[in-house]
Structure formats: C-alpha cells, structure tokens
Amino acid sequence: MEMNLSSSVGVSSTERLITAINGASLLVCLLAAILVFALRLHRKVVYRLALYQVLASLSCATVGVFQLIFVNYAENPRVYGRVCVAIGWLLLYGLWMKLLFTTWLTLHLFCFGVLHKNLKRYEALYVVSSLLVPGVIGAVPLITGTYALDRTHTVCYIDEPNLNGSATGYYHTAVTERIVLWEVPAVVALLVCSVAMVSMVTSLTRQACYRMRYEPLADDNQFLKAMKQLLPLAAFPILFLIFMIPALIFNVYSFISVPQMALTITAFISTSLWSMTSGLTLIVHITVARCALKRKRYLVAHRAQYSKALTVF
C-alpha cells in the first residue's frame, strides 16, 4: 500500500528501516515457500491455501525492496519514470492479489466452519481470479497515465491528491482511481472479513460447547482433524485485519491533509509487517505440524514395541 512521508526529516532512516523490513519479509516468505515444496506439502489443500498467501506477500515484499531505487530518480527521470510505471502496476497488482487471496480464504473458512461446506472444488477459480483480476485493475491507471512517484520520491503508485487547492482533471482522475480501485474495495473486504471471522469463531465456540455438553462420547475425529488443519489458516485473515487498518487510516487521512510523521511510520511498518508475518505464520504452522507428527509416530512406535514385549510373556 502506498506510503508517503510528510517531511524530509528522518526520511533516509525511515527508508532504510522499511527496506530492511521488506528485505527480511522477502527472505522469510522465500523460506516458507521453499519449505512447502521441499517437504511436498503443496499436495495438501491446507498448505496450498497458506502458500497462496505467502506468494502474494512475497510479491508485495519484492516490490517494496525495489522502491528504494527511486532515491536517484532526479538523476535520470526519463528512465526511472518508465520503471516507476512498472513498479506502480506491480504494487497495485500485489496488493490486490493479497486482498483477493485473503478474502477467498476467509470465505473458505466461513463456509467450512459455519455452513459445513467444503469449497475445495473451487480452488481453481480461487487461484485464477486472484491472479487475473489484479492485472485488469492495475491496467486502469496504466491506461490513464496516473502512476507517478510520490512527493518524497520513495514510492511509485497512483498519483497523490493535490492538497494545494488546484484541482485539475488529472488529479480528479487520480483521486477517483485511488478511491475506486483500492480504498473502497479494501474497506469492503475489511468489513466482510471481520464479520466472517466473528461469525466463524462464534459458530465454532457454540459447536464445541454443544458437543462437550450433549455429545461428549461422540466420534467426531474427522471433524476435529479438519478443524485442526484449517484453524491455523485463520491467522492470515486476522493479520490482514490488524495490519490493514493503520494503512487505510493513513490513506484516508492523506486525502484531507498531509499525514503526521507518527501516522506515516505506523502505516509504513504495518504494511511491511503484513508480508513478514504471513511467511512466519506458515513457517510456525509447518514446524508445529511436523513436531506433532513426529511425536505421534514416536508414540505409535513406542506402543508397538511395548505390545511386542508383552507378547514374550
């Protein structure tokens, strides 16, 4: 998501901080993706759903790292201007890809936990729509020519609102595109994910209480196994809600006035950490699952040895 600094004070240190976070996010997401493929976990739908989140975060982190090259924009505006357009498109593409993957994942969890329906068969639609729709949306500013470098020469995105009082047709177009192509869809997705997550948690809590009270001896192993696999995926929509709110507040405030430094830095950090925490979540999920599997195999082997020893007597 686009970030702008309100003054030149501390710009260099902030740029270094955000670049470092994006670089760390890039490495963490790469490690998570490598683990999934190395352990052949991509064959399981649960890990594929998490992998889509990480790949989207990887694209956002990569774009964030490349934004640093625009500190030298004034040296060759013609060349950097073309690169800026490409980076702006990639940034909007990555944000929309992350938004759609998260929304689809939330819908998947909601349908499974509340409606008891598995949307596994719609995975192809889930992936294709999350890859193609962002490209179409990102092409709109490309056609209208509103991708530009922000006032601090650090971020390429749809051009900023003109706060100097001169409203031209170009700025009207840029502001409209910012609102229609990102701000409104992001707020709608935020609300939908919030309602879906609250509904899912409420429904699962009620189901658990009902089973404990009325069906304590019921054989629900299949349901419990599925819930243990799917519930860790709920971390991704929750992270989306946590890290999206400061960035959206920043963007809305930037339409009114130049944001304060504290708000700007908060928005910077929250957006960058959005990618890093996605990779960390998947790594933790894999580590916990592998440890549980090893423990289970150890107990099974130990019981087999114990049973074999008893047969001797």
Protein backbone atom coordinates (compact mmCIF):
# COMPACT_ATOMS: atom_id res chain seq x y z
CA MET A 1 0.00 0.00 0.00
CA GLU A 2 1.22 3.45 -0.79
CA MET A 3 3.10 5.34 1.89
CA ASN A 4 4.20 8.95 1.89
CA LEU A 5 6.36 10.87 4.32
CA SER A 6 5.17 14.28 5.38
CA SER A 7 8.59 15.82 5.61
CA SER A 8 12.18 15.22 4.70
CA VAL A 9 13.18 14.84 8.34
CA GLY A 10 14.11 11.26 9.05
CA VAL A 11 13.29 10.17 5.52
CA SER A 12 16.57 8.34 4.99
CA SER A 13 16.36 6.41 8.25
CA THR A 14 12.73 5.51 7.56
CA GLU A 15 13.60 4.35 4.05
CA ARG A 16 16.36 2.15 5.42
CA LEU A 17 14.05 0.72 8.07
CA ILE A 18 11.25 -0.11 5.63
CA THR A 19 13.68 -1.55 3.08
CA ALA A 20 15.20 -3.73 5.79
CA ILE A 21 11.76 -4.97 6.85
CA ASN A 22 10.77 -5.67 3.24
CA GLY A 23 14.06 -7.46 2.67
CA ALA A 24 13.51 -9.60 5.75
CA SER A 25 9.94 -10.25 4.63
CA LEU A 26 11.22 -11.37 1.24
CA LEU A 27 13.62 -13.87 2.83
CA VAL A 28 11.03 -15.19 5.28
CA CYS A 29 8.44 -15.70 2.54
CA LEU A 30 11.01 -17.42 0.32
CA LEU A 31 11.96 -19.74 3.17
CA ALA A 32 8.31 -20.58 3.83
CA ALA A 33 7.67 -21.34 0.15
CA ILE A 34 10.82 -23.48 -0.10
CA LEU A 35 9.75 -25.47 2.98
CA VAL A 36 6.34 -26.19 1.46
CA PHE A 37 7.82 -27.55 -1.75
CA ALA A 38 10.80 -29.29 -0.12
CA LEU A 39 8.52 -31.20 2.26
CA ARG A 40 6.00 -31.80 -0.55
CA LEU A 41 3.27 -30.16 1.48
CA HIS A 42 1.85 -28.44 -1.61
CA ARG A 43 -0.02 -31.67 -2.32
CA LYS A 44 -2.35 -30.86 0.59
CA VAL A 45 -5.01 -28.20 0.05
CA VAL A 46 -4.49 -26.69 3.51
CA TYR A 47 -0.86 -25.87 2.79
CA ARG A 48 -1.68 -24.66 -0.72
CA LEU A 49 -4.13 -22.15 0.73
CA ALA A 50 -1.39 -20.89 3.04
CA LEU A 51 1.15 -20.93 0.21
CA TYR A 52 -1.03 -18.60 -1.90
CA GLN A 53 -0.94 -16.10 0.96
CA VAL A 54 2.84 -16.31 1.19
CA LEU A 55 3.38 -15.95 -2.57
CA ALA A 56 1.18 -12.83 -2.62
CA SER A 57 3.14 -11.44 0.34
CA LEU A 58 6.37 -12.31 -1.47
CA SER A 59 5.35 -10.17 -4.45
CA CYS A 60 4.49 -7.21 -2.18
CA ALA A 61 7.80 -7.50 -0.31
CA THR A 62 9.75 -7.68 -3.58
CA VAL A 63 8.13 -4.52 -4.87
CA GLY A 64 8.84 -2.83 -1.53
CA VAL A 65 12.54 -3.60 -1.83
CA PHE A 66 12.74 -2.23 -5.40
CA GLN A 67 11.11 1.06 -4.35
CA LEU A 68 14.46 2.10 -2.89
CA ILE A 69 15.93 2.70 -6.36
CA PHE A 70 13.82 5.84 -6.77
CA VAL A 71 16.01 7.85 -4.40
CA ASN A 72 18.06 8.50 -7.58
CA TYR A 73 15.02 9.46 -9.66
CA ALA A 74 16.25 13.01 -10.34
CA GLU A 75 19.42 11.72 -12.00
CA ASN A 76 17.55 10.20 -14.95
CA PRO A 77 13.80 10.95 -14.81
CA ARG A 78 13.12 9.52 -18.27
CA VAL A 79 14.42 6.03 -17.45
CA TYR A 80 13.21 6.00 -13.87
CA GLY A 81 9.83 7.28 -14.99
CA ARG A 82 9.23 4.16 -17.09
CA VAL A 83 10.43 1.93 -14.27
CA CYS A 84 8.15 3.82 -11.91
CA VAL A 85 5.10 2.97 -14.02
CA ALA A 86 6.04 -0.73 -13.98
CA ILE A 87 6.65 -0.70 -10.21
CA GLY A 88 3.37 1.12 -9.61
CA TRP A 89 1.49 -1.53 -11.58
CA LEU A 90 3.27 -4.35 -9.73
CA LEU A 91 2.48 -2.72 -6.38
CA LEU A 92 -1.24 -2.42 -7.11
CA TYR A 93 -1.22 -5.94 -8.58
CA GLY A 94 0.44 -7.39 -5.47
CA LEU A 95 -1.93 -5.59 -3.10
CA TRP A 96 -4.99 -6.80 -4.99
CA MET A 97 -3.63 -10.34 -5.21
CA LYS A 98 -3.10 -10.37 -1.45
CA LEU A 99 -6.57 -8.87 -0.90
CA LEU A 100 -8.34 -11.45 -3.08
CA PHE A 101 -6.42 -14.44 -1.71
CA THR A 102 -7.26 -13.31 1.84
CA THR A 103 -10.94 -12.74 1.02
CA TRP A 104 -11.24 -16.13 -0.66
CA LEU A 105 -9.52 -17.82 2.27
CA THR A 106 -11.87 -16.12 4.73
CA LEU A 107 -14.85 -17.27 2.66
CA HIS A 108 -13.45 -20.81 2.62
CA LEU A 109 -13.06 -20.87 6.40
CA PHE A 110 -16.51 -19.33 6.93
CA CYS A 111 -18.24 -21.88 4.70
CA PHE A 112 -16.46 -24.78 6.37
CA GLY A 113 -16.82 -23.62 9.97
CA VAL A 114 -20.34 -22.12 9.81
CA LEU A 115 -22.11 -23.66 6.80
CA HIS A 116 -20.23 -27.00 6.93
CA LYS A 117 -19.43 -26.80 3.23
CA ASN A 118 -16.01 -27.51 1.75
CA LEU A 119 -15.05 -25.18 -1.12
CA LYS A 120 -12.07 -27.30 -2.14
CA ARG A 121 -13.52 -27.90 -5.60
CA TYR A 122 -13.46 -24.14 -6.27
CA GLU A 123 -9.71 -23.87 -5.75
CA ALA A 124 -9.04 -23.29 -9.45
CA LEU A 125 -11.48 -20.36 -9.51
CA TYR A 126 -9.91 -19.11 -6.30
CA VAL A 127 -6.45 -19.00 -7.88
CA VAL A 128 -7.34 -17.82 -11.39
CA SER A 129 -9.50 -14.92 -10.19
CA SER A 130 -6.82 -13.82 -7.70
CA LEU A 131 -4.21 -13.75 -10.48
CA LEU A 132 -6.20 -12.23 -13.36
CA VAL A 133 -8.43 -9.63 -11.67
CA PRO A 134 -5.48 -7.67 -10.16
CA GLY A 135 -3.91 -7.39 -13.60
CA VAL A 136 -7.07 -5.88 -15.07
CA ILE A 137 -7.45 -3.42 -12.19
CA GLY A 138 -3.78 -2.44 -12.33
CA ALA A 139 -4.13 -1.70 -16.05
CA VAL A 140 -6.60 1.16 -15.44
CA PRO A 141 -4.03 3.67 -14.09
CA LEU A 142 -1.65 2.36 -16.74
CA ILE A 143 -4.08 3.45 -19.45
CA THR A 144 -4.93 6.79 -17.84
CA GLY A 145 -1.28 7.52 -17.04
CA THR A 146 -1.73 8.23 -13.34
CA TYR A 147 1.13 6.11 -11.99
CA ALA A 148 3.68 8.53 -10.54
CA LEU A 149 6.34 9.00 -7.89
CA ASP A 150 5.12 10.45 -4.59
CA ARG A 151 6.29 13.75 -3.16
CA THR A 152 9.13 12.12 -1.19
CA HIS A 153 10.48 10.27 -4.26
CA THR A 154 10.24 6.92 -2.47
CA VAL A 155 7.05 5.18 -3.68
CA CYS A 156 5.53 4.70 -7.12
CA TYR A 157 1.76 4.35 -7.07
CA ILE A 158 -1.37 6.13 -8.32
CA ASP A 159 -0.61 9.85 -8.04
CA GLU A 160 -1.37 11.64 -4.78
CA PRO A 161 -4.25 14.05 -4.13
CA ASN A 162 -3.30 17.66 -4.80
CA LEU A 163 -3.56 19.45 -1.46
CA ASN A 164 -2.53 22.85 -2.86
CA GLY A 165 -6.04 23.77 -3.95
CA SER A 166 -5.59 23.43 -7.74
CA ALA A 167 -7.90 20.59 -8.84
CA THR A 168 -7.28 19.60 -12.46
CA GLY A 169 -8.85 16.82 -14.49
CA TYR A 170 -5.72 14.74 -13.98
CA TYR A 171 -5.93 14.95 -10.20
CA HIS A 172 -9.66 14.22 -10.27
CA THR A 173 -8.87 11.06 -12.23
CA ALA A 174 -6.05 10.07 -9.85
CA VAL A 175 -8.18 10.61 -6.74
CA THR A 176 -11.10 8.69 -8.25
CA GLU A 177 -8.84 5.79 -9.14
CA ARG A 178 -7.34 5.70 -5.65
CA ILE A 179 -10.81 5.57 -4.10
CA VAL A 180 -12.48 3.19 -6.56
CA LEU A 181 -9.57 0.88 -7.33
CA TRP A 182 -8.28 0.39 -3.80
CA GLU A 183 -9.71 2.34 -0.86
CA VAL A 184 -13.36 1.26 -1.22
CA PRO A 185 -12.63 -2.41 -2.11
CA ALA A 186 -10.14 -2.65 0.77
CA VAL A 187 -12.66 -1.25 3.27
CA VAL A 188 -15.39 -3.60 1.97
CA ALA A 189 -13.03 -6.58 2.21
CA LEU A 190 -12.05 -5.49 5.72
CA LEU A 191 -15.69 -5.41 6.83
CA VAL A 192 -16.54 -8.72 5.12
CA CYS A 193 -13.55 -10.50 6.66
CA SER A 194 -14.33 -9.04 10.09
CA VAL A 195 -17.95 -10.22 10.00
CA ALA A 196 -16.99 -13.64 8.61
CA MET A 197 -14.27 -14.21 11.23
CA VAL A 198 -16.53 -13.18 14.13
CA SER A 199 -19.31 -15.42 12.80
CA MET A 200 -16.93 -18.36 12.37
CA VAL A 201 -15.44 -18.04 15.86
CA THR A 202 -18.91 -17.72 17.40
CA SER A 203 -20.22 -20.74 15.48
CA LEU A 204 -17.23 -22.94 16.34
CA THR A 205 -17.47 -21.98 20.00
CA ARG A 206 -21.13 -22.94 20.09
CA GLN A 207 -20.42 -26.23 18.32
CA ALA A 208 -17.66 -27.09 20.75
CA CYS A 209 -19.83 -26.28 23.78
CA TYR A 210 -22.72 -28.33 22.37
CA ARG A 211 -20.54 -31.38 21.75
CA MET A 212 -18.95 -31.16 25.19
CA ARG A 213 -22.34 -30.94 26.88
CA TYR A 214 -24.62 -33.21 24.87
CA GLU A 215 -22.31 -35.45 22.85
CA PRO A 216 -19.17 -35.96 24.96
CA LEU A 217 -18.64 -39.51 23.66
CA ALA A 218 -19.47 -38.83 20.01
CA ASP A 219 -16.91 -40.00 17.46
CA ASP A 220 -16.01 -36.69 15.81
CA ASN A 221 -12.44 -37.46 14.85
CA GLN A 222 -12.88 -36.46 11.21
CA PHE A 223 -14.37 -33.08 12.10
CA LEU A 224 -11.73 -32.38 14.75
CA LYS A 225 -8.93 -33.37 12.38
CA ALA A 226 -10.24 -31.00 9.71
CA MET A 227 -10.59 -28.17 12.24
CA LYS A 228 -7.03 -28.66 13.49
CA GLN A 229 -5.80 -28.30 9.92
CA LEU A 230 -7.96 -25.33 8.94
CA LEU A 231 -7.95 -23.22 12.10
CA PRO A 232 -4.27 -22.16 11.75
CA LEU A 233 -5.28 -20.62 8.41
CA ALA A 234 -7.47 -18.19 10.34
CA ALA A 235 -4.28 -16.38 11.32
CA PHE A 236 -3.98 -14.93 7.80
CA PRO A 237 -7.32 -13.04 7.79
CA ILE A 238 -6.64 -11.89 11.36
CA LEU A 239 -3.25 -10.50 10.33
CA PHE A 240 -4.97 -8.82 7.38
CA LEU A 241 -7.37 -7.06 9.76
CA ILE A 242 -4.60 -6.00 12.15
CA PHE A 243 -2.18 -4.58 9.59
CA MET A 244 -4.68 -3.18 7.09
CA ILE A 245 -6.40 -0.76 9.47
CA PRO A 246 -3.41 1.61 10.09
CA ALA A 247 -2.64 1.75 6.37
CA LEU A 248 -6.25 2.54 5.47
CA ILE A 249 -6.40 5.26 8.13
CA PHE A 250 -3.25 6.75 6.64
CA ASN A 251 -4.66 6.70 3.10
CA VAL A 252 -7.98 8.27 4.10
CA TYR A 253 -6.19 10.97 6.11
CA SER A 254 -3.91 11.75 3.17
CA PHE A 255 -6.96 12.90 1.19
CA ILE A 256 -7.62 15.54 3.84
CA SER A 257 -4.17 16.71 4.90
CA VAL A 258 -0.51 15.77 4.96
CA PRO A 259 -0.23 12.88 7.47
CA GLN A 260 1.79 13.31 10.64
CA MET A 261 5.13 11.51 10.91
CA ALA A 262 3.90 9.07 13.59
CA LEU A 263 0.93 8.00 11.45
CA THR A 264 3.15 7.69 8.41
CA ILE A 265 5.73 5.48 10.12
CA THR A 266 2.98 3.33 11.64
CA ALA A 267 1.43 2.81 8.20
CA PHE A 268 4.85 2.01 6.72
CA ILE A 269 5.65 -0.59 9.35
CA SER A 270 2.19 -2.20 9.38
CA THR A 271 2.21 -2.66 5.61
CA SER A 272 5.70 -4.15 5.59
CA LEU A 273 4.99 -6.46 8.52
CA TRP A 274 1.88 -7.73 6.76
CA SER A 275 4.15 -9.67 4.39
CA MET A 276 6.64 -10.81 7.02
CA THR A 277 4.02 -12.20 9.40
CA SER A 278 2.43 -14.21 6.58
CA GLY A 279 5.69 -16.05 6.00
CA LEU A 280 6.30 -16.51 9.72
CA THR A 281 2.78 -17.87 10.20
CA LEU A 282 3.32 -20.57 7.59
CA ILE A 283 6.74 -21.49 8.99
CA VAL A 284 5.30 -21.83 12.51
CA HIS A 285 2.38 -23.87 11.14
CA ILE A 286 4.75 -26.27 9.36
CA THR A 287 7.04 -26.56 12.41
CA VAL A 288 4.20 -27.30 14.83
CA ALA A 289 2.60 -29.81 12.44
CA ARG A 290 5.90 -31.62 11.83
CA CYS A 291 6.67 -31.80 15.56
CA ALA A 292 3.19 -33.16 16.27
CA LEU A 293 3.61 -35.74 13.50
CA LYS A 294 6.99 -36.87 14.82
CA ARG A 295 5.58 -37.17 18.33
CA LYS A 296 2.65 -39.20 17.06
CA ARG A 297 4.96 -41.56 15.16
CA TYR A 298 7.15 -41.93 18.24
CA LEU A 299 4.18 -42.84 20.44
CA VAL A 300 2.89 -45.33 17.87
CA ALA A 301 6.33 -46.97 17.60
CA HIS A 302 6.72 -46.98 21.39
CA ARG A 303 3.34 -48.65 21.87
CA ALA A 304 4.18 -51.23 19.21
CA GLN A 305 7.45 -52.08 20.99
CA TYR A 306 5.65 -52.27 24.33
CA SER A 307 2.97 -54.60 22.91
CA LYS A 308 5.63 -56.79 21.32
CA ALA A 309 7.49 -57.01 24.64
CA LEU A 310 4.31 -58.13 26.41
CA THR A 311 3.77 -60.97 23.93
CA VAL A 312 7.05 -62.53 25.12
CA PHE A 313 5.46 -63.23 28.46
